[in-house]
Protein backbone atom coordinates (compact mmCIF):
# COMPACT_ATOMS: atom_id res chain seq x y z
CA UNK A 1 -69.99 -18.29 -23.77
CA UNK A 2 -68.89 -19.15 -20.51
CA UNK A 3 -66.48 -16.76 -18.16
CA UNK A 4 -65.72 -19.18 -15.53
CA UNK A 5 -62.48 -19.81 -15.37
CA UNK A 6 -60.92 -22.42 -16.68
CA UNK A 7 -57.22 -24.61 -15.27
CA UNK A 8 -55.96 -26.91 -17.30
CA UNK A 9 -52.51 -28.52 -18.63
CA UNK A 10 -50.57 -27.31 -21.80
CA UNK A 11 -48.22 -30.11 -23.35
CA UNK A 12 -45.17 -28.16 -24.79
CA UNK A 13 -41.12 -29.08 -25.58
CA UNK A 14 -40.36 -27.94 -22.20
CA UNK A 15 -42.97 -30.29 -20.29
CA UNK A 16 -46.72 -29.11 -19.65
CA UNK A 17 -47.38 -25.81 -18.76
CA UNK A 18 -49.88 -24.68 -16.32
CA UNK A 19 -52.76 -22.82 -17.74
CA UNK A 20 -55.26 -20.44 -16.50
CA UNK A 21 -58.35 -19.24 -18.28
CA UNK A 22 -60.78 -16.14 -17.11
CA UNK A 23 -63.36 -15.13 -19.08
CA UNK A 24 -65.66 -15.32 -22.51
CA UNK A 25 -64.30 -17.64 -25.33
CA UNK A 26 -63.65 -16.29 -28.70
CA UNK A 27 -62.04 -13.09 -29.96
CA UNK A 28 -58.85 -12.32 -29.43
CA UNK A 29 -57.81 -13.55 -26.44
CA UNK A 30 -55.21 -10.93 -24.22
CA UNK A 31 -52.26 -13.56 -22.51
CA UNK A 32 -50.00 -12.08 -19.72
CA UNK A 33 -46.85 -12.68 -19.10
CA UNK A 34 -45.82 -12.34 -15.00
CA UNK A 35 -42.63 -10.59 -13.14
CA UNK A 36 -40.00 -11.40 -11.43
CA UNK A 37 -40.14 -14.29 -9.20
CA UNK A 38 -44.32 -14.36 -9.89
CA UNK A 39 -46.46 -17.33 -11.28
CA UNK A 40 -49.99 -16.99 -12.34
CA UNK A 41 -51.32 -17.15 -8.82
CA UNK A 42 -49.59 -13.68 -8.33
CA UNK A 43 -52.06 -11.55 -10.48
CA UNK A 44 -54.07 -9.52 -8.34
CA UNK A 45 -57.85 -11.54 -8.61
CA UNK A 46 -59.30 -8.31 -8.50
CA UNK A 47 -57.20 -7.43 -11.41
CA UNK A 48 -58.23 -10.51 -13.57
CA UNK A 49 -61.94 -10.21 -12.68
CA UNK A 50 -61.78 -6.58 -13.71
CA UNK A 51 -60.05 -6.78 -17.03
CA UNK A 52 -61.49 -10.72 -17.91
CA UNK A 53 -64.92 -9.15 -17.86
CA UNK A 54 -65.48 -9.11 -21.34
CA UNK A 55 -62.95 -10.80 -22.61
CA UNK A 56 -60.96 -14.23 -22.88
CA UNK A 57 -57.27 -13.68 -20.59
CA UNK A 58 -54.92 -16.21 -20.37
CA UNK A 59 -52.22 -16.44 -17.69
CA UNK A 60 -49.46 -19.50 -17.78
CA UNK A 61 -46.73 -20.34 -15.33
CA UNK A 62 -43.65 -20.81 -18.22
CA UNK A 63 -41.59 -23.49 -17.99
CA UNK A 64 -39.77 -24.53 -14.32
CA UNK A 65 -42.16 -21.60 -12.55
CA UNK A 66 -45.06 -22.59 -10.05
CA UNK A 67 -46.78 -25.72 -11.05
CA UNK A 68 -45.51 -25.56 -14.68
CA UNK A 69 -42.78 -28.62 -15.20
CA UNK A 70 -39.58 -27.69 -17.20
CA UNK A 71 -36.67 -25.51 -16.45
CA UNK A 72 -36.82 -21.82 -15.88
CA UNK A 73 -34.75 -20.11 -19.58
CA UNK A 74 -31.55 -18.95 -18.95
CA UNK A 75 -32.43 -16.00 -21.50
CA UNK A 76 -34.94 -13.69 -21.93
CA UNK A 77 -34.81 -14.38 -25.58
CA UNK A 78 -35.67 -18.37 -24.66
CA UNK A 79 -38.70 -16.56 -22.69
CA UNK A 80 -40.29 -15.39 -25.40
CA UNK A 81 -39.83 -18.77 -27.42
CA UNK A 82 -41.62 -20.01 -24.62
CA UNK A 83 -44.84 -17.45 -24.64
CA UNK A 84 -44.36 -18.29 -28.71
CA UNK A 85 -44.93 -21.51 -27.71
CA UNK A 86 -47.69 -21.19 -25.65
CA UNK A 87 -49.88 -18.86 -28.21
CA UNK A 88 -49.35 -21.35 -30.85
CA UNK A 89 -50.39 -24.80 -28.70
CA UNK A 90 -53.17 -22.98 -27.97
CA UNK A 91 -54.01 -22.73 -31.31
CA UNK A 92 -54.01 -18.99 -31.30
CA UNK A 93 -52.73 -17.41 -35.17
CA UNK A 94 -52.64 -13.80 -33.00
CA UNK A 95 -53.23 -12.63 -29.33
CA UNK A 96 -53.25 -9.06 -27.29
CA UNK A 97 -50.29 -9.52 -24.32
CA UNK A 98 -49.69 -7.76 -21.88
CA UNK A 99 -46.12 -8.05 -20.15
CA UNK A 100 -45.72 -6.51 -16.13
CA UNK A 101 -41.90 -5.76 -15.10
CA UNK A 102 -39.84 -9.01 -16.08
CA UNK A 103 -43.45 -9.80 -18.60
CA UNK A 104 -42.78 -7.05 -19.99
CA UNK A 105 -38.61 -7.12 -21.39
CA UNK A 106 -40.16 -10.52 -22.40
CA UNK A 107 -42.86 -9.80 -24.28
CA UNK A 108 -41.18 -6.25 -26.50
CA UNK A 109 -38.67 -9.50 -26.86
CA UNK A 110 -41.47 -11.65 -28.63
CA UNK A 111 -42.82 -9.22 -29.82
CA UNK A 112 -39.90 -8.33 -32.08
CA UNK A 113 -39.10 -12.56 -32.04
CA UNK A 114 -42.19 -13.29 -33.34
CA UNK A 115 -44.43 -10.43 -34.59
CA UNK A 116 -46.86 -12.71 -36.00
CA UNK A 117 -47.96 -13.94 -33.32
CA UNK A 118 -48.76 -10.36 -31.38
CA UNK A 119 -51.88 -8.01 -32.48
CA UNK A 120 -51.04 -5.73 -30.08
CA UNK A 121 -48.34 -5.23 -26.69
CA UNK A 122 -49.18 -3.52 -22.92
CA UNK A 123 -46.09 -2.91 -21.38
CA UNK A 124 -46.07 -2.49 -17.65
CA UNK A 125 -43.82 -1.27 -15.72
CA UNK A 126 -41.43 -2.26 -17.76
CA UNK A 127 -38.24 -0.95 -19.30
CA UNK A 128 -37.09 -1.53 -23.53
CA UNK A 129 -33.67 -1.84 -21.43
CA UNK A 130 -30.50 -0.04 -22.10
CA UNK A 131 -31.23 3.13 -20.38
CA UNK A 132 -28.70 4.74 -18.26
CA UNK A 133 -29.51 8.33 -17.68
CA UNK A 134 -32.51 9.57 -15.89
CA UNK A 135 -33.76 8.21 -12.70
CA UNK A 136 -32.11 5.04 -11.29
CA UNK A 137 -33.99 2.09 -9.15
CA UNK A 138 -33.81 2.89 -5.93
CA UNK A 139 -30.68 1.74 -4.12
CA UNK A 140 -32.67 -0.48 -1.93
CA UNK A 141 -34.07 -2.10 -4.66
CA UNK A 142 -31.49 -5.14 -5.54
CA UNK A 143 -31.21 -5.80 -1.54
CA UNK A 144 -35.04 -6.44 -1.22
CA UNK A 145 -35.93 -8.38 -4.59
CA UNK A 146 -33.08 -10.83 -3.70
CA UNK A 147 -34.36 -11.90 -0.10
CA UNK A 148 -35.20 -15.49 -0.33
CA UNK A 149 -38.32 -15.03 0.81
CA UNK A 150 -40.04 -11.36 0.33
CA UNK A 151 -43.10 -10.29 2.88
CA UNK A 152 -45.97 -7.84 2.82
CA UNK A 153 -43.40 -5.11 3.82
CA UNK A 154 -41.21 -5.85 0.62
CA UNK A 155 -44.14 -5.79 -1.52
CA UNK A 156 -45.42 -2.91 -0.70
CA UNK A 157 -41.79 -1.29 -0.68
CA UNK A 158 -41.51 -2.61 -4.19
CA UNK A 159 -44.26 -1.72 -5.53
CA UNK A 160 -46.03 1.16 -3.99
CA UNK A 161 -45.06 4.66 -3.03
CA UNK A 162 -45.36 5.31 0.90
CA UNK A 163 -48.25 7.35 0.50
CA UNK A 164 -51.48 6.86 3.29
CA UNK A 165 -54.00 5.99 -0.01
CA UNK A 166 -51.62 3.93 -1.85
CA UNK A 167 -50.32 1.57 0.93
CA UNK A 168 -53.70 1.03 1.65
CA UNK A 169 -54.73 -0.26 -1.85
CA UNK A 170 -51.37 -2.29 -1.45
CA UNK A 171 -51.97 -4.23 1.65
CA UNK A 172 -55.64 -4.67 0.22
CA UNK A 173 -53.64 -6.46 -2.92
CA UNK A 174 -52.03 -8.02 -1.45
CA UNK A 175 -54.74 -9.21 0.70
CA UNK A 176 -56.67 -10.83 -2.38
CA UNK A 177 -53.62 -12.11 -3.60
CA UNK A 178 -53.20 -14.55 -0.19
CA UNK A 179 -56.81 -15.11 0.42
CA UNK A 180 -56.26 -17.30 -2.51
CA UNK A 181 -57.75 -20.93 -2.54
CA UNK A 182 -54.83 -23.47 -4.01
CA UNK A 183 -52.08 -21.51 -4.39
CA UNK A 184 -49.37 -23.29 -5.93
CA UNK A 185 -45.43 -23.27 -5.19
CA UNK A 186 -43.57 -20.28 -4.92
CA UNK A 187 -40.28 -19.94 -7.78
CA UNK A 188 -37.69 -21.88 -6.78
CA UNK A 189 -33.84 -20.84 -5.84
CA UNK A 190 -32.87 -22.12 -9.41
CA UNK A 191 -35.43 -21.12 -11.27
CA UNK A 192 -34.36 -17.38 -9.28
CA UNK A 193 -31.00 -17.56 -10.08
CA UNK A 194 -31.83 -18.31 -14.21
CA UNK A 195 -34.25 -15.43 -13.88
CA UNK A 196 -31.68 -12.94 -12.60
CA UNK A 197 -28.94 -14.70 -14.99
CA UNK A 198 -31.30 -13.68 -17.91
CA UNK A 199 -31.82 -10.24 -16.85
CA UNK A 200 -27.98 -10.09 -16.47
CA UNK A 201 -27.79 -11.45 -19.66
CA UNK A 202 -30.29 -8.95 -21.89
CA UNK A 203 -29.02 -6.73 -23.75
CA UNK A 204 -32.38 -5.01 -24.43
CA UNK A 205 -34.30 -3.83 -26.82
CA UNK A 206 -34.62 0.09 -27.11
CA UNK A 207 -31.37 0.10 -30.14
CA UNK A 208 -34.48 -2.29 -32.15
CA UNK A 209 -37.19 -0.21 -30.33
CA UNK A 210 -38.47 1.37 -34.01
CA UNK A 211 -38.77 -1.62 -35.20
CA UNK A 212 -42.44 -2.17 -32.83
CA UNK A 213 -44.28 -1.22 -35.22
CA UNK A 214 -47.01 -2.90 -33.47
CA UNK A 215 -49.76 -0.80 -31.21
CA UNK A 216 -48.50 -0.39 -28.03
CA UNK A 217 -49.70 0.90 -24.46
CA UNK A 218 -47.00 1.70 -22.05
CA UNK A 219 -47.87 1.92 -18.54
CA UNK A 220 -46.38 2.51 -15.24
CA UNK A 221 -46.93 4.05 -11.64
CA UNK A 222 -45.07 7.51 -11.38
CA UNK A 223 -43.61 6.92 -8.50
CA UNK A 224 -41.94 3.14 -9.69
CA UNK A 225 -38.80 2.70 -7.40
CA UNK A 226 -37.97 -0.63 -9.40
CA UNK A 227 -37.77 0.67 -12.99
CA UNK A 228 -38.55 4.14 -13.13
CA UNK A 229 -41.33 5.76 -15.26
CA UNK A 230 -38.67 7.86 -16.96
CA UNK A 231 -37.86 3.75 -18.62
CA UNK A 232 -41.17 3.75 -19.83
CA UNK A 233 -41.35 7.53 -21.33
CA UNK A 234 -37.87 6.07 -23.30
CA UNK A 235 -39.55 3.54 -24.96
CA UNK A 236 -42.68 5.25 -25.99
CA UNK A 237 -40.68 8.08 -27.43
CA UNK A 238 -39.06 5.07 -29.33
CA UNK A 239 -41.76 2.64 -30.73
CA UNK A 240 -43.87 4.15 -33.74
CA UNK A 241 -47.08 3.25 -32.41
CA UNK A 242 -47.24 3.58 -28.88
CA UNK A 243 -48.96 5.97 -25.75
CA UNK A 244 -47.94 6.26 -22.56
CA UNK A 245 -50.43 6.29 -19.04
CA UNK A 246 -48.62 7.16 -16.07
CA UNK A 247 -50.42 6.64 -12.62
CA UNK A 248 -49.50 9.73 -10.22
CA UNK A 249 -49.66 8.53 -6.38
CA UNK A 250 -48.80 4.77 -8.26
CA UNK A 251 -45.54 2.98 -8.53
CA UNK A 252 -44.88 -0.44 -10.01
CA UNK A 253 -47.95 -2.17 -9.14
CA UNK A 254 -50.01 0.43 -10.25
CA UNK A 255 -51.81 -2.19 -12.10
CA UNK A 256 -53.55 -3.33 -9.25
CA UNK A 257 -54.47 -0.57 -7.47
CA UNK A 258 -55.48 1.81 -10.69
CA UNK A 259 -57.55 -1.43 -11.15
CA UNK A 260 -60.72 0.58 -12.39
CA UNK A 261 -59.27 3.03 -14.80
CA UNK A 262 -56.41 0.51 -16.06
CA UNK A 263 -58.95 -1.71 -17.13
CA UNK A 264 -61.23 1.52 -18.54
CA UNK A 265 -57.56 2.43 -20.56
CA UNK A 266 -56.76 -1.69 -21.52
CA UNK A 267 -60.63 -1.76 -23.22
CA UNK A 268 -60.27 1.23 -24.95
CA UNK A 269 -56.69 0.04 -26.70
CA UNK A 270 -57.49 -3.16 -27.08
CA UNK A 271 -61.21 -2.69 -29.03
């Protein structure tokens, strides 16, 4: 048993993918699926430390992202196929999966396309798609999220409410992420465009949500300006075995703001 961070390359049909593992070996691991334009270095290290204290946590740069070889699939189903191949190539009969934002979209598709690989599913700050009613994303979101480079004020707007507590937590999280050693390359313009194409073409899974019969934890910040919490609520109501957790003074990056509480929720859910 070891809790050291382990980096390695995983040969796949898409090329070599960069893999990072934390926490003790053994048991059913938790596989993380990252947000739009995010790499494996964009997870808050304090969050990783908390959730990997007693379990194996696996994160990776998908095909064409960050350090990984290959090209970004231009469909959500293609991205889910990459995640499925990673789980199989690691020799895992099953895994728990946590997807954040775009990763939550991919995670839902993965659970539908390869249900035998996913034991429990965590959908964080995401949506099942196909929801046209209820609160809509803030009007500035498309402009800010598609800038060539996002700076700290952009991330604070996209990820955290404009309250003193939330902004302070956001600044602390961004500082922890930036302070990491040996950060890999950012998402390229080509990869960015492929992700945009995949998101734009995705029909959503709301019409299939009742097929998601595995245990699900759906979580979000109550003030998510990107993917409003109403969409998490709708998913939790449609999936047969889903529970919903909302954080009041938090937004899209609630998992990096309420680390201790959300890690405890994960422990209860995954136990």
